[in-house]
Amino acid sequence: MKIGELAHETKLTTKTIRYYENIGLIPEPDRDVNDYREYTNQAIQRLLFIRDAQATGLTLTEIASILELREEGQGTCNHVVELLERHLRDLDKHLKELRKTRKQLAALTERARSLNPAHCTDPIRCQTIAIGARTTTTTPEPVHHLDHAAHSSK
């Protein structure tokens, strides 16, 4: 089959298929007399595996390592479990960081609601952000902004 048919069957773009070919994820196909690529049904299965593996969060490098083990006739299950466990740990760490960031944003938002907009005299910075950038979980002290007109005359 031609690359367009392969793209249709796998729901990948021809550009993606060529890229996978260039980086060695799929073998370079034979060419017909017109120099068009001729793919086999094996290419469909390999590309579907790559697509599905990416959907789990595996990187192309990790996918290549799985394919390499397969080509060497080795089992891949333990390797895949290790990769997925690492991704789970990374995801848990990221979720923890996101929860911390959300907590900080919620506290900043709550403090911002209590600030008086009339006290924000700095034309460049918002008092909410200026306070939030200097504080963590403690109650912020008021920010005293410079009177830029008086400051610039000095």
N, C-alpha and C. Protein backbone atom coordinates (compact mmCIF):
# COMPACT_ATOMS: atom_id res chain seq x y z
N MET A 1 0.84 -1.19 0.00
CA MET A 1 0.00 0.00 0.00
C MET A 1 0.88 1.25 0.00
N LYS A 2 0.33 2.31 -0.49
CA LYS A 2 1.04 3.59 -0.53
C LYS A 2 0.90 4.30 0.82
N ILE A 3 1.71 5.33 1.00
CA ILE A 3 1.74 6.03 2.28
C ILE A 3 0.40 6.68 2.62
N GLY A 4 -0.32 7.17 1.64
CA GLY A 4 -1.63 7.77 1.89
C GLY A 4 -2.61 6.75 2.45
N GLU A 5 -2.59 5.55 1.90
CA GLU A 5 -3.46 4.48 2.40
C GLU A 5 -3.06 4.10 3.83
N LEU A 6 -1.77 4.02 4.07
CA LEU A 6 -1.27 3.70 5.41
C LEU A 6 -1.68 4.77 6.40
N ALA A 7 -1.59 6.02 6.01
CA ALA A 7 -2.01 7.12 6.87
C ALA A 7 -3.49 7.00 7.19
N HIS A 8 -4.29 6.69 6.19
CA HIS A 8 -5.73 6.54 6.40
C HIS A 8 -6.02 5.39 7.36
N GLU A 9 -5.36 4.27 7.18
CA GLU A 9 -5.59 3.08 8.02
C GLU A 9 -5.19 3.31 9.47
N THR A 10 -4.16 4.09 9.69
CA THR A 10 -3.61 4.28 11.05
C THR A 10 -4.06 5.59 11.69
N LYS A 11 -4.72 6.44 10.91
CA LYS A 11 -5.14 7.77 11.37
C LYS A 11 -3.94 8.63 11.80
N LEU A 12 -2.84 8.45 11.09
CA LEU A 12 -1.64 9.26 11.26
C LEU A 12 -1.43 10.05 9.98
N THR A 13 -0.67 11.12 10.06
CA THR A 13 -0.39 11.89 8.85
C THR A 13 0.78 11.26 8.10
N THR A 14 0.86 11.55 6.83
CA THR A 14 1.99 11.04 6.05
C THR A 14 3.30 11.62 6.57
N LYS A 15 3.24 12.86 7.04
CA LYS A 15 4.43 13.50 7.60
C LYS A 15 4.91 12.73 8.84
N THR A 16 3.98 12.33 9.69
CA THR A 16 4.33 11.55 10.89
C THR A 16 4.93 10.22 10.50
N ILE A 17 4.35 9.56 9.52
CA ILE A 17 4.87 8.26 9.07
C ILE A 17 6.28 8.41 8.54
N ARG A 18 6.52 9.44 7.75
CA ARG A 18 7.88 9.67 7.22
C ARG A 18 8.86 9.97 8.36
N TYR A 19 8.40 10.73 9.36
CA TYR A 19 9.24 11.03 10.51
C TYR A 19 9.60 9.75 11.26
N TYR A 20 8.63 8.91 11.52
CA TYR A 20 8.90 7.64 12.20
C TYR A 20 9.88 6.79 11.40
N GLU A 21 9.75 6.86 10.11
CA GLU A 21 10.68 6.13 9.23
C GLU A 21 12.08 6.72 9.36
N ASN A 22 12.19 8.05 9.35
CA ASN A 22 13.50 8.72 9.44
C ASN A 22 14.21 8.43 10.75
N ILE A 23 13.46 8.31 11.85
CA ILE A 23 14.11 8.06 13.14
C ILE A 23 14.22 6.58 13.47
N GLY A 24 13.78 5.74 12.56
CA GLY A 24 13.97 4.30 12.71
C GLY A 24 12.89 3.57 13.49
N LEU A 25 11.77 4.21 13.77
CA LEU A 25 10.69 3.51 14.47
C LEU A 25 9.99 2.50 13.57
N ILE A 26 9.94 2.81 12.30
CA ILE A 26 9.44 1.82 11.34
C ILE A 26 10.52 1.64 10.28
N PRO A 27 10.66 0.42 9.80
CA PRO A 27 11.70 0.19 8.79
C PRO A 27 11.36 0.90 7.48
N GLU A 28 12.39 1.27 6.78
CA GLU A 28 12.18 1.90 5.47
C GLU A 28 11.54 0.86 4.55
N PRO A 29 10.44 1.24 3.91
CA PRO A 29 9.74 0.26 3.06
C PRO A 29 10.44 0.09 1.72
N ASP A 30 10.06 -0.98 1.06
CA ASP A 30 10.52 -1.17 -0.32
C ASP A 30 9.90 -0.08 -1.17
N ARG A 31 10.49 0.12 -2.33
CA ARG A 31 9.98 1.13 -3.26
C ARG A 31 9.55 0.42 -4.55
N ASP A 32 8.49 0.95 -5.17
CA ASP A 32 8.06 0.37 -6.44
C ASP A 32 8.84 1.00 -7.59
N VAL A 33 8.48 0.67 -8.81
CA VAL A 33 9.23 1.16 -9.98
C VAL A 33 9.17 2.67 -10.12
N ASN A 34 8.13 3.30 -9.58
CA ASN A 34 8.00 4.76 -9.62
C ASN A 34 8.66 5.42 -8.42
N ASP A 35 9.34 4.63 -7.60
CA ASP A 35 10.03 5.09 -6.39
C ASP A 35 9.07 5.47 -5.26
N TYR A 36 7.81 5.04 -5.37
CA TYR A 36 6.85 5.26 -4.28
C TYR A 36 7.09 4.23 -3.19
N ARG A 37 6.89 4.64 -1.97
CA ARG A 37 7.00 3.70 -0.85
C ARG A 37 5.88 2.66 -0.94
N GLU A 38 6.22 1.43 -0.66
CA GLU A 38 5.24 0.34 -0.65
C GLU A 38 5.25 -0.30 0.74
N TYR A 39 4.18 -0.07 1.50
CA TYR A 39 4.09 -0.55 2.87
C TYR A 39 3.30 -1.85 2.93
N THR A 40 3.61 -2.66 3.94
CA THR A 40 2.90 -3.92 4.15
C THR A 40 1.92 -3.76 5.31
N ASN A 41 1.12 -4.80 5.53
CA ASN A 41 0.20 -4.80 6.67
C ASN A 41 0.97 -4.77 7.99
N GLN A 42 2.20 -5.25 8.00
CA GLN A 42 3.02 -5.21 9.21
C GLN A 42 3.26 -3.75 9.63
N ALA A 43 3.38 -2.86 8.65
CA ALA A 43 3.57 -1.43 8.96
C ALA A 43 2.35 -0.87 9.68
N ILE A 44 1.17 -1.33 9.29
CA ILE A 44 -0.06 -0.89 9.97
C ILE A 44 0.01 -1.27 11.44
N GLN A 45 0.33 -2.53 11.71
CA GLN A 45 0.37 -3.01 13.09
C GLN A 45 1.41 -2.27 13.92
N ARG A 46 2.55 -2.03 13.33
CA ARG A 46 3.63 -1.33 14.05
C ARG A 46 3.22 0.11 14.36
N LEU A 47 2.63 0.79 13.39
CA LEU A 47 2.21 2.18 13.60
C LEU A 47 1.07 2.27 14.61
N LEU A 48 0.17 1.31 14.59
CA LEU A 48 -0.91 1.30 15.59
C LEU A 48 -0.33 1.10 16.99
N PHE A 49 0.67 0.23 17.11
CA PHE A 49 1.33 0.05 18.40
C PHE A 49 1.98 1.35 18.85
N ILE A 50 2.70 2.01 17.95
CA ILE A 50 3.37 3.27 18.29
C ILE A 50 2.34 4.30 18.73
N ARG A 51 1.27 4.42 17.99
CA ARG A 51 0.21 5.38 18.33
C ARG A 51 -0.40 5.07 19.70
N ASP A 52 -0.70 3.80 19.94
CA ASP A 52 -1.30 3.41 21.22
C ASP A 52 -0.32 3.60 22.37
N ALA A 53 0.95 3.30 22.14
CA ALA A 53 1.97 3.48 23.19
C ALA A 53 2.13 4.96 23.54
N GLN A 54 2.09 5.81 22.53
CA GLN A 54 2.17 7.25 22.80
C GLN A 54 0.96 7.72 23.61
N ALA A 55 -0.19 7.13 23.34
CA ALA A 55 -1.41 7.51 24.07
C ALA A 55 -1.30 7.19 25.55
N THR A 56 -0.44 6.24 25.91
CA THR A 56 -0.24 5.91 27.33
C THR A 56 0.75 6.86 27.98
N GLY A 57 1.40 7.69 27.18
CA GLY A 57 2.37 8.64 27.72
C GLY A 57 3.81 8.25 27.46
N LEU A 58 4.03 7.13 26.79
CA LEU A 58 5.40 6.72 26.50
C LEU A 58 6.00 7.63 25.44
N THR A 59 7.29 7.90 25.58
CA THR A 59 8.00 8.73 24.61
C THR A 59 8.41 7.88 23.41
N LEU A 60 8.78 8.54 22.34
CA LEU A 60 9.24 7.80 21.17
C LEU A 60 10.51 7.01 21.48
N THR A 61 11.36 7.55 22.32
CA THR A 61 12.57 6.83 22.72
C THR A 61 12.21 5.56 23.48
N GLU A 62 11.25 5.67 24.39
CA GLU A 62 10.80 4.49 25.14
C GLU A 62 10.15 3.47 24.23
N ILE A 63 9.36 3.95 23.29
CA ILE A 63 8.71 3.05 22.34
C ILE A 63 9.77 2.34 21.50
N ALA A 64 10.79 3.08 21.09
CA ALA A 64 11.87 2.47 20.31
C ALA A 64 12.55 1.37 21.11
N SER A 65 12.71 1.57 22.42
CA SER A 65 13.36 0.55 23.25
C SER A 65 12.50 -0.72 23.31
N ILE A 66 11.19 -0.56 23.33
CA ILE A 66 10.29 -1.72 23.33
C ILE A 66 10.40 -2.46 22.00
N LEU A 67 10.35 -1.69 20.92
CA LEU A 67 10.44 -2.30 19.59
C LEU A 67 11.78 -3.02 19.39
N GLU A 68 12.84 -2.43 19.92
CA GLU A 68 14.16 -3.05 19.81
C GLU A 68 14.20 -4.39 20.55
N LEU A 69 13.63 -4.43 21.75
CA LEU A 69 13.57 -5.69 22.49
C LEU A 69 12.77 -6.73 21.72
N ARG A 70 11.66 -6.31 21.14
CA ARG A 70 10.84 -7.23 20.33
C ARG A 70 11.64 -7.80 19.17
N GLU A 71 12.35 -6.90 18.47
CA GLU A 71 13.14 -7.34 17.31
C GLU A 71 14.25 -8.31 17.69
N GLU A 72 14.75 -8.18 18.92
CA GLU A 72 15.78 -9.09 19.42
C GLU A 72 15.19 -10.39 19.95
N GLY A 73 13.86 -10.49 19.91
CA GLY A 73 13.20 -11.70 20.37
C GLY A 73 13.03 -11.78 21.88
N GLN A 74 13.23 -10.67 22.56
CA GLN A 74 13.10 -10.65 24.02
C GLN A 74 11.68 -10.25 24.41
N GLY A 75 11.31 -10.64 25.62
CA GLY A 75 10.02 -10.23 26.16
C GLY A 75 10.05 -8.76 26.52
N THR A 76 8.92 -8.13 26.42
CA THR A 76 8.86 -6.69 26.69
C THR A 76 8.01 -6.33 27.89
N CYS A 77 7.30 -7.29 28.44
CA CYS A 77 6.33 -6.97 29.50
C CYS A 77 6.98 -6.29 30.70
N ASN A 78 8.07 -6.85 31.23
CA ASN A 78 8.71 -6.26 32.40
C ASN A 78 9.22 -4.85 32.09
N HIS A 79 9.79 -4.69 30.92
CA HIS A 79 10.31 -3.38 30.52
C HIS A 79 9.16 -2.36 30.44
N VAL A 80 8.05 -2.76 29.86
CA VAL A 80 6.89 -1.86 29.74
C VAL A 80 6.36 -1.50 31.12
N VAL A 81 6.29 -2.49 32.02
CA VAL A 81 5.81 -2.22 33.38
C VAL A 81 6.71 -1.19 34.06
N GLU A 82 8.03 -1.35 33.90
CA GLU A 82 8.97 -0.38 34.49
C GLU A 82 8.74 1.02 33.93
N LEU A 83 8.56 1.10 32.62
CA LEU A 83 8.33 2.41 32.00
C LEU A 83 7.04 3.04 32.50
N LEU A 84 5.98 2.24 32.56
CA LEU A 84 4.69 2.77 33.01
C LEU A 84 4.74 3.17 34.48
N GLU A 85 5.44 2.39 35.30
CA GLU A 85 5.57 2.75 36.72
C GLU A 85 6.33 4.06 36.87
N ARG A 86 7.37 4.26 36.07
CA ARG A 86 8.11 5.53 36.12
C ARG A 86 7.20 6.69 35.74
N HIS A 87 6.39 6.48 34.71
CA HIS A 87 5.46 7.54 34.30
C HIS A 87 4.43 7.82 35.39
N LEU A 88 3.98 6.78 36.07
CA LEU A 88 3.04 6.99 37.18
C LEU A 88 3.68 7.80 38.30
N ARG A 89 4.94 7.49 38.65
CA ARG A 89 5.64 8.26 39.68
C ARG A 89 5.78 9.71 39.26
N ASP A 90 6.17 9.92 38.00
CA ASP A 90 6.32 11.29 37.49
C ASP A 90 4.98 12.03 37.52
N LEU A 91 3.93 11.34 37.14
CA LEU A 91 2.61 11.95 37.13
C LEU A 91 2.16 12.29 38.55
N ASP A 92 2.40 11.38 39.50
CA ASP A 92 2.05 11.66 40.89
C ASP A 92 2.81 12.88 41.41
N LYS A 93 4.08 12.97 41.06
CA LYS A 93 4.88 14.13 41.48
C LYS A 93 4.31 15.41 40.87
N HIS A 94 3.97 15.35 39.60
CA HIS A 94 3.41 16.52 38.92
C HIS A 94 2.07 16.92 39.53
N LEU A 95 1.24 15.93 39.85
CA LEU A 95 -0.05 16.22 40.47
C LEU A 95 0.15 16.88 41.84
N LYS A 96 1.13 16.41 42.58
CA LYS A 96 1.42 17.01 43.88
C LYS A 96 1.81 18.47 43.71
N GLU A 97 2.66 18.75 42.72
CA GLU A 97 3.07 20.12 42.44
C GLU A 97 1.89 20.97 41.99
N LEU A 98 1.02 20.39 41.18
CA LEU A 98 -0.17 21.12 40.73
C LEU A 98 -1.10 21.44 41.90
N ARG A 99 -1.27 20.48 42.82
CA ARG A 99 -2.12 20.74 43.99
C ARG A 99 -1.52 21.88 44.83
N LYS A 100 -0.20 21.89 44.98
CA LYS A 100 0.47 22.95 45.74
C LYS A 100 0.26 24.30 45.05
N THR A 101 0.43 24.32 43.73
CA THR A 101 0.23 25.55 42.96
C THR A 101 -1.22 26.01 43.08
N ARG A 102 -2.16 25.07 43.01
CA ARG A 102 -3.57 25.44 43.11
C ARG A 102 -3.86 26.04 44.48
N LYS A 103 -3.30 25.45 45.51
CA LYS A 103 -3.49 25.97 46.88
C LYS A 103 -2.95 27.39 46.98
N GLN A 104 -1.78 27.64 46.40
CA GLN A 104 -1.19 28.98 46.43
C GLN A 104 -2.05 29.97 45.64
N LEU A 105 -2.55 29.56 44.50
CA LEU A 105 -3.41 30.45 43.71
C LEU A 105 -4.72 30.74 44.42
N ALA A 106 -5.27 29.73 45.08
CA ALA A 106 -6.52 29.94 45.82
C ALA A 106 -6.29 30.94 46.96
N ALA A 107 -5.17 30.81 47.66
CA ALA A 107 -4.86 31.75 48.75
C ALA A 107 -4.63 33.15 48.19
N LEU A 108 -3.94 33.26 47.08
CA LEU A 108 -3.69 34.56 46.46
C LEU A 108 -5.01 35.19 46.02
N THR A 109 -5.88 34.39 45.45
CA THR A 109 -7.19 34.89 45.01
C THR A 109 -7.99 35.39 46.20
N GLU A 110 -7.97 34.63 47.28
CA GLU A 110 -8.70 35.04 48.48
C GLU A 110 -8.15 36.35 49.04
N ARG A 111 -6.83 36.48 49.09
CA ARG A 111 -6.23 37.74 49.55
C ARG A 111 -6.58 38.88 48.60
N ALA A 112 -6.57 38.60 47.31
CA ALA A 112 -6.86 39.64 46.32
C ALA A 112 -8.27 40.19 46.49
N ARG A 113 -9.19 39.32 46.87
CA ARG A 113 -10.57 39.78 47.08
C ARG A 113 -10.66 40.78 48.22
N SER A 114 -9.74 40.69 49.18
CA SER A 114 -9.81 41.57 50.35
C SER A 114 -9.03 42.88 50.15
N LEU A 115 -8.28 42.98 49.07
CA LEU A 115 -7.50 44.20 48.82
C LEU A 115 -8.38 45.31 48.27
N ASN A 116 -8.05 46.52 48.62
CA ASN A 116 -8.78 47.68 48.14
C ASN A 116 -8.10 48.18 46.86
N PRO A 117 -8.79 48.15 45.73
CA PRO A 117 -8.18 48.61 44.48
C PRO A 117 -7.70 50.06 44.54
N ALA A 118 -8.28 50.86 45.41
CA ALA A 118 -7.87 52.27 45.53
C ALA A 118 -6.44 52.38 46.07
N HIS A 119 -5.97 51.35 46.77
CA HIS A 119 -4.62 51.37 47.32
C HIS A 119 -3.56 50.97 46.30
N CYS A 120 -3.97 50.56 45.15
CA CYS A 120 -3.03 50.16 44.11
C CYS A 120 -2.68 51.38 43.27
N THR A 121 -1.55 52.00 43.58
CA THR A 121 -1.17 53.22 42.90
C THR A 121 -0.02 53.03 41.94
N ASP A 122 0.55 51.87 41.90
CA ASP A 122 1.67 51.59 40.99
C ASP A 122 1.09 51.33 39.60
N PRO A 123 1.43 52.16 38.61
CA PRO A 123 0.84 51.99 37.28
C PRO A 123 1.42 50.78 36.53
N ILE A 124 2.48 50.20 37.04
CA ILE A 124 3.16 49.11 36.34
C ILE A 124 2.77 47.74 36.89
N ARG A 125 2.62 47.65 38.22
CA ARG A 125 2.38 46.35 38.83
C ARG A 125 1.05 46.32 39.56
N CYS A 126 0.44 45.19 39.54
CA CYS A 126 -0.80 44.97 40.28
C CYS A 126 -0.44 44.59 41.71
N GLN A 127 -1.08 45.20 42.68
CA GLN A 127 -0.75 44.91 44.07
C GLN A 127 -0.99 43.44 44.42
N THR A 128 -1.95 42.82 43.78
CA THR A 128 -2.23 41.42 44.06
C THR A 128 -1.05 40.55 43.68
N ILE A 129 -0.52 40.76 42.50
CA ILE A 129 0.61 39.96 42.03
C ILE A 129 1.86 40.30 42.83
N ALA A 130 2.08 41.57 43.11
CA ALA A 130 3.26 41.97 43.89
C ALA A 130 3.22 41.33 45.27
N ILE A 131 2.09 41.27 45.88
CA ILE A 131 1.96 40.63 47.19
C ILE A 131 2.15 39.13 47.04
N GLY A 132 1.50 38.55 46.06
CA GLY A 132 1.55 37.10 45.87
C GLY A 132 2.94 36.59 45.56
N ALA A 133 3.73 37.37 44.85
CA ALA A 133 5.07 36.94 44.48
C ALA A 133 6.00 36.90 45.68
N ARG A 134 5.72 37.69 46.72
CA ARG A 134 6.60 37.75 47.88
C ARG A 134 6.15 36.88 49.02
N THR A 135 4.95 36.33 48.94
CA THR A 135 4.42 35.58 50.07
C THR A 135 4.24 34.13 49.69
N THR A 136 4.13 33.31 50.72
CA THR A 136 3.85 31.90 50.49
C THR A 136 2.49 31.60 51.08
N THR A 137 2.46 31.21 52.35
CA THR A 137 1.17 30.91 52.97
C THR A 137 0.84 31.89 54.08
N THR A 138 1.69 32.87 54.31
CA THR A 138 1.44 33.82 55.38
C THR A 138 0.58 34.97 54.86
N THR A 139 -0.05 35.66 55.75
CA THR A 139 -0.84 36.82 55.37
C THR A 139 0.09 37.94 54.96
N PRO A 140 -0.14 38.52 53.81
CA PRO A 140 0.79 39.54 53.32
C PRO A 140 0.64 40.86 54.04
N GLU A 141 1.75 41.57 54.08
CA GLU A 141 1.70 42.94 54.59
C GLU A 141 1.34 43.84 53.41
N PRO A 142 0.74 44.99 53.68
CA PRO A 142 0.38 45.88 52.57
C PRO A 142 1.62 46.33 51.80
N VAL A 143 1.45 46.49 50.51
CA VAL A 143 2.53 46.98 49.66
C VAL A 143 2.38 48.48 49.56
N HIS A 144 3.47 49.20 49.85
CA HIS A 144 3.45 50.65 49.74
C HIS A 144 4.13 51.01 48.42
N HIS A 145 3.35 51.51 47.50
CA HIS A 145 3.85 51.85 46.18
C HIS A 145 4.39 53.27 46.19
N LEU A 146 5.37 53.50 45.35
CA LEU A 146 5.95 54.84 45.23
C LEU A 146 5.00 55.74 44.45
N ASP A 147 5.01 56.99 44.80
CA ASP A 147 4.30 57.98 44.01
C ASP A 147 5.26 58.34 42.88
N HIS A 148 4.99 57.80 41.68
CA HIS A 148 5.93 57.96 40.57
C HIS A 148 6.13 59.41 40.15
N ALA A 149 5.14 60.25 40.31
CA ALA A 149 5.30 61.66 39.95
C ALA A 149 6.32 62.32 40.89
N ALA A 150 6.19 62.05 42.19
CA ALA A 150 7.12 62.64 43.14
C ALA A 150 8.50 62.02 42.99
N HIS A 151 8.54 60.72 42.70
CA HIS A 151 9.79 60.01 42.57
C HIS A 151 10.58 60.48 41.35
N SER A 152 9.89 60.74 40.26
CA SER A 152 10.59 61.12 39.02
C SER A 152 11.11 62.55 39.07
N SER A 153 10.61 63.39 39.98
CA SER A 153 11.09 64.77 40.03
C SER A 153 12.39 64.89 40.81
N LYS A 154 12.80 63.79 41.46
CA LYS A 154 14.04 63.84 42.26
C LYS A 154 15.26 63.69 41.40
